[in-house]
Protein backbone atom coordinates (compact mmCIF):
# COMPACT_ATOMS: atom_id res chain seq x y z
CA MET A 1 106.16 118.67 111.77
CA ASP A 2 106.24 116.33 108.07
CA MET A 3 104.49 117.09 105.21
CA LYS A 4 101.54 114.30 105.29
CA ASP A 5 100.66 115.48 109.09
CA PHE A 6 100.43 119.33 107.58
CA ALA A 7 98.82 117.72 104.72
CA ALA A 8 96.27 116.18 107.19
CA LYS A 9 95.48 119.29 108.56
CA VAL A 10 94.03 121.09 105.56
CA VAL A 11 90.76 122.31 105.73
CA LEU A 12 88.19 123.95 103.41
CA THR A 13 86.75 127.59 105.19
CA PRO A 14 84.35 129.79 103.83
CA MET A 15 85.80 133.23 102.90
CA GLY A 16 84.37 135.37 105.67
CA PRO A 17 84.16 139.00 107.29
CA GLY A 18 87.11 140.01 109.11
CA ARG A 19 91.12 138.52 108.10
CA ASP A 20 91.71 141.54 107.03
CA GLU A 21 95.57 141.21 108.62
CA GLU A 22 95.98 137.22 107.68
CA PHE A 23 94.84 138.26 103.98
CA ALA A 24 97.32 141.35 104.12
CA GLU A 25 100.23 138.64 105.33
CA MET A 26 99.59 136.33 102.42
CA LEU A 27 99.73 139.20 99.63
CA ASP A 28 103.18 140.42 101.93
CA GLU A 29 104.12 136.65 100.84
CA PHE A 30 103.04 136.53 97.13
CA ARG A 31 104.87 139.97 96.98
CA ALA A 32 107.98 139.23 98.44
CA ALA A 33 108.13 135.86 96.17
CA GLY A 34 108.15 138.86 92.85
CA GLU A 35 103.91 137.04 92.37
CA GLY A 36 102.51 140.58 91.80
CA GLY A 37 100.18 138.58 89.01
CA VAL A 38 98.52 136.08 91.25
CA TYR A 39 95.69 138.75 91.46
CA ARG A 40 94.96 140.30 88.13
CA GLY A 41 91.64 140.88 86.57
CA ASP A 42 88.49 141.17 88.67
CA PHE A 43 89.97 139.84 91.37
CA ALA A 44 93.55 142.65 91.25
CA VAL A 45 90.88 143.97 93.82
CA ALA A 46 92.98 142.44 96.37
CA TRP A 47 95.25 144.16 95.99
CA GLN A 48 93.20 146.80 97.96
CA GLY A 49 93.03 143.86 100.57
CA TYR A 50 90.61 141.76 102.20
CA SER A 51 87.52 143.70 102.83
CA ALA A 52 87.64 145.55 99.02
CA PHE A 53 88.38 141.58 98.21
CA TYR A 54 85.81 140.10 100.01
CA SER A 55 83.28 142.73 99.35
CA LEU A 56 84.01 141.79 95.19
CA LEU A 57 83.90 138.07 96.45
CA SER A 58 80.32 138.67 98.13
CA GLN A 59 79.02 139.31 95.17
CA MET A 60 80.32 137.50 92.83
CA GLN A 61 79.29 134.10 95.07
CA GLN A 62 75.26 134.25 93.19
CA GLY A 63 76.93 134.89 89.66
CA GLY A 64 76.32 137.74 86.75
CA PHE A 65 78.34 140.35 89.14
CA PRO A 66 80.55 141.95 87.86
CA ARG A 67 79.78 140.70 83.98
CA PRO A 68 76.93 138.63 83.07
CA GLU A 69 79.39 135.61 82.47
CA ILE A 70 80.26 135.24 85.86
CA VAL A 71 78.85 131.51 87.14
CA PRO A 72 77.96 131.16 90.14
CA MET A 73 81.13 130.23 92.89
CA GLU A 74 82.38 129.75 96.25
CA ALA A 75 85.03 130.87 97.50
CA TYR A 76 87.42 129.65 100.52
CA PHE A 77 90.26 129.89 102.25
CA ILE A 78 92.98 126.75 102.19
CA GLU A 79 93.37 126.73 105.55
CA SER A 80 95.53 123.99 108.73
CA GLU A 81 95.66 125.57 112.25
CA GLY A 82 93.56 128.25 112.00
CA ARG A 83 95.95 129.84 109.41
CA ILE A 84 95.65 130.91 105.61
CA LEU A 85 97.29 128.63 103.50
CA GLY A 86 96.29 129.69 100.24
CA GLU A 87 92.42 130.23 98.26
CA LEU A 88 90.29 128.02 96.50
CA TYR A 89 87.25 128.56 94.52
CA LEU A 90 84.81 126.49 93.72
CA ARG A 91 81.95 126.90 90.52
CA ARG A 92 78.97 124.98 89.99
CA ARG A 93 79.26 125.45 86.33
CA LEU A 94 81.58 126.45 83.67
CA SER A 95 81.63 129.31 81.00
CA PRO A 96 82.64 129.78 77.74
CA HIS A 97 85.75 131.08 79.03
CA LEU A 98 85.96 129.13 81.54
CA GLU A 99 86.32 126.29 79.79
CA GLN A 100 89.44 126.95 78.00
CA ILE A 101 90.64 128.88 81.33
CA GLY A 102 90.01 128.38 85.15
CA GLY A 103 87.43 125.48 84.88
CA HIS A 104 85.36 123.89 88.01
CA ILE A 105 88.61 124.91 90.52
CA GLY A 106 90.48 127.56 90.80
CA PHE A 107 93.14 127.69 94.03
CA LYS A 108 96.41 129.62 94.81
CA VAL A 109 98.46 128.54 97.51
CA ARG A 110 100.52 131.18 99.40
CA PRO A 111 104.74 130.56 98.58
CA SER A 112 105.59 129.65 102.40
CA CYS A 113 103.14 126.87 101.85
CA ARG A 114 104.39 125.22 99.08
CA ASN A 115 106.26 121.46 98.34
CA ARG A 116 104.19 120.53 101.66
CA GLY A 117 101.03 119.18 99.83
CA VAL A 118 98.51 121.66 100.57
CA ALA A 119 97.33 121.73 97.12
CA THR A 120 96.63 118.41 96.83
CA ALA A 121 95.28 117.95 100.30
CA ALA A 122 92.80 120.75 99.33
CA LEU A 123 92.07 119.57 95.46
CA HIS A 124 90.98 116.32 97.22
CA ILE A 125 88.90 117.99 99.37
CA ALA A 126 87.20 120.16 96.65
CA LEU A 127 86.41 117.43 94.11
CA LYS A 128 84.40 115.74 97.24
CA LYS A 129 82.33 119.03 97.37
CA LEU A 130 81.59 119.13 93.87
CA GLY A 131 81.21 115.72 93.83
CA GLU A 132 78.62 116.04 96.83
CA MET A 133 76.73 119.19 94.44
CA GLY A 134 76.25 116.25 91.52
CA ILE A 135 78.41 117.50 89.33
CA GLU A 136 80.91 113.88 88.50
CA LYS A 137 83.78 115.04 85.98
CA ALA A 138 85.32 118.45 87.16
CA LEU A 139 87.25 120.26 84.89
CA VAL A 140 90.45 122.25 86.04
CA THR A 141 92.89 124.51 84.12
CA CYS A 142 96.92 125.55 84.73
CA ASN A 143 99.22 127.45 82.69
CA SER A 144 100.95 125.54 80.78
CA THR A 145 104.33 126.86 83.05
CA ASN A 146 102.89 126.21 86.00
CA VAL A 147 104.35 122.38 86.46
CA ALA A 148 104.06 122.62 89.99
CA SER A 149 99.95 123.10 89.48
CA ALA A 150 100.01 120.02 86.51
CA ARG A 151 101.92 117.72 89.10
CA VAL A 152 98.81 118.48 91.74
CA ILE A 153 96.23 118.40 89.08
CA GLU A 154 98.16 114.63 88.12
CA LYS A 155 98.15 113.31 91.51
CA CYS A 156 94.27 113.78 92.09
CA GLY A 157 93.44 112.11 88.89
CA GLY A 158 93.63 114.51 86.17
CA VAL A 159 93.64 112.82 83.40
CA ARG A 160 94.93 115.67 80.65
CA ASN A 161 92.55 116.75 77.63
CA ALA A 162 93.10 119.47 74.78
CA ASP A 163 94.91 122.68 75.72
CA ALA A 164 93.89 125.85 75.65
CA SER A 165 95.34 128.42 73.24
CA LEU A 166 94.93 131.88 74.93
CA PRO A 167 96.13 135.74 73.89
CA GLU A 168 98.43 134.51 77.20
CA GLY A 169 99.91 130.83 76.50
CA GLU A 170 98.83 127.65 76.65
CA GLU A 171 96.02 126.58 79.29
CA ARG A 172 96.44 123.01 80.17
CA ARG A 173 93.15 120.80 80.96
CA TYR A 174 91.83 118.17 83.14
CA TRP A 175 89.12 116.45 84.16
CA ILE A 176 88.76 114.03 87.43
CA GLU A 177 85.94 111.84 88.34
CA THR A 178 84.84 113.65 91.08
CA LYS A 179 83.63 110.26 92.65
CA SER A 180 85.80 107.45 93.21
């Protein structure tokens, strides 16, 4: 299957229970690629398995958990033909922290599915969803060393704004129109 066909089959599926084995396979890929930092902070519970991770995400969905500043969010698997390719998070509003790092949309793609248009397709879908929610411009950020994510954001129309200087390093900040 060529990359265009592959990307054309990308969908966002709301995370739900019962995806333990598939999630474990994705975790194994991140580990094998030396990407242990892909789940950190509150999300580090993912390394305990999907049940624990899904429980956390379910509680975070309405916002205010595990800390009051957590905003309401929706969690999706990025999929193609039923296979988990990555994850995507939509946030309806921004906290002061998300204005610097995280933004309205966060995404990650498993190593074996990168450079195939997956992230670009998923971000396009997410932008459309935010537009349908009445959000006209979305903030999307990435670490300044993550050139691949920066390319994805720019392909989707991202206009770079002032970067954020954080203890973890520089964070690129982009605004993207959600409506065409």
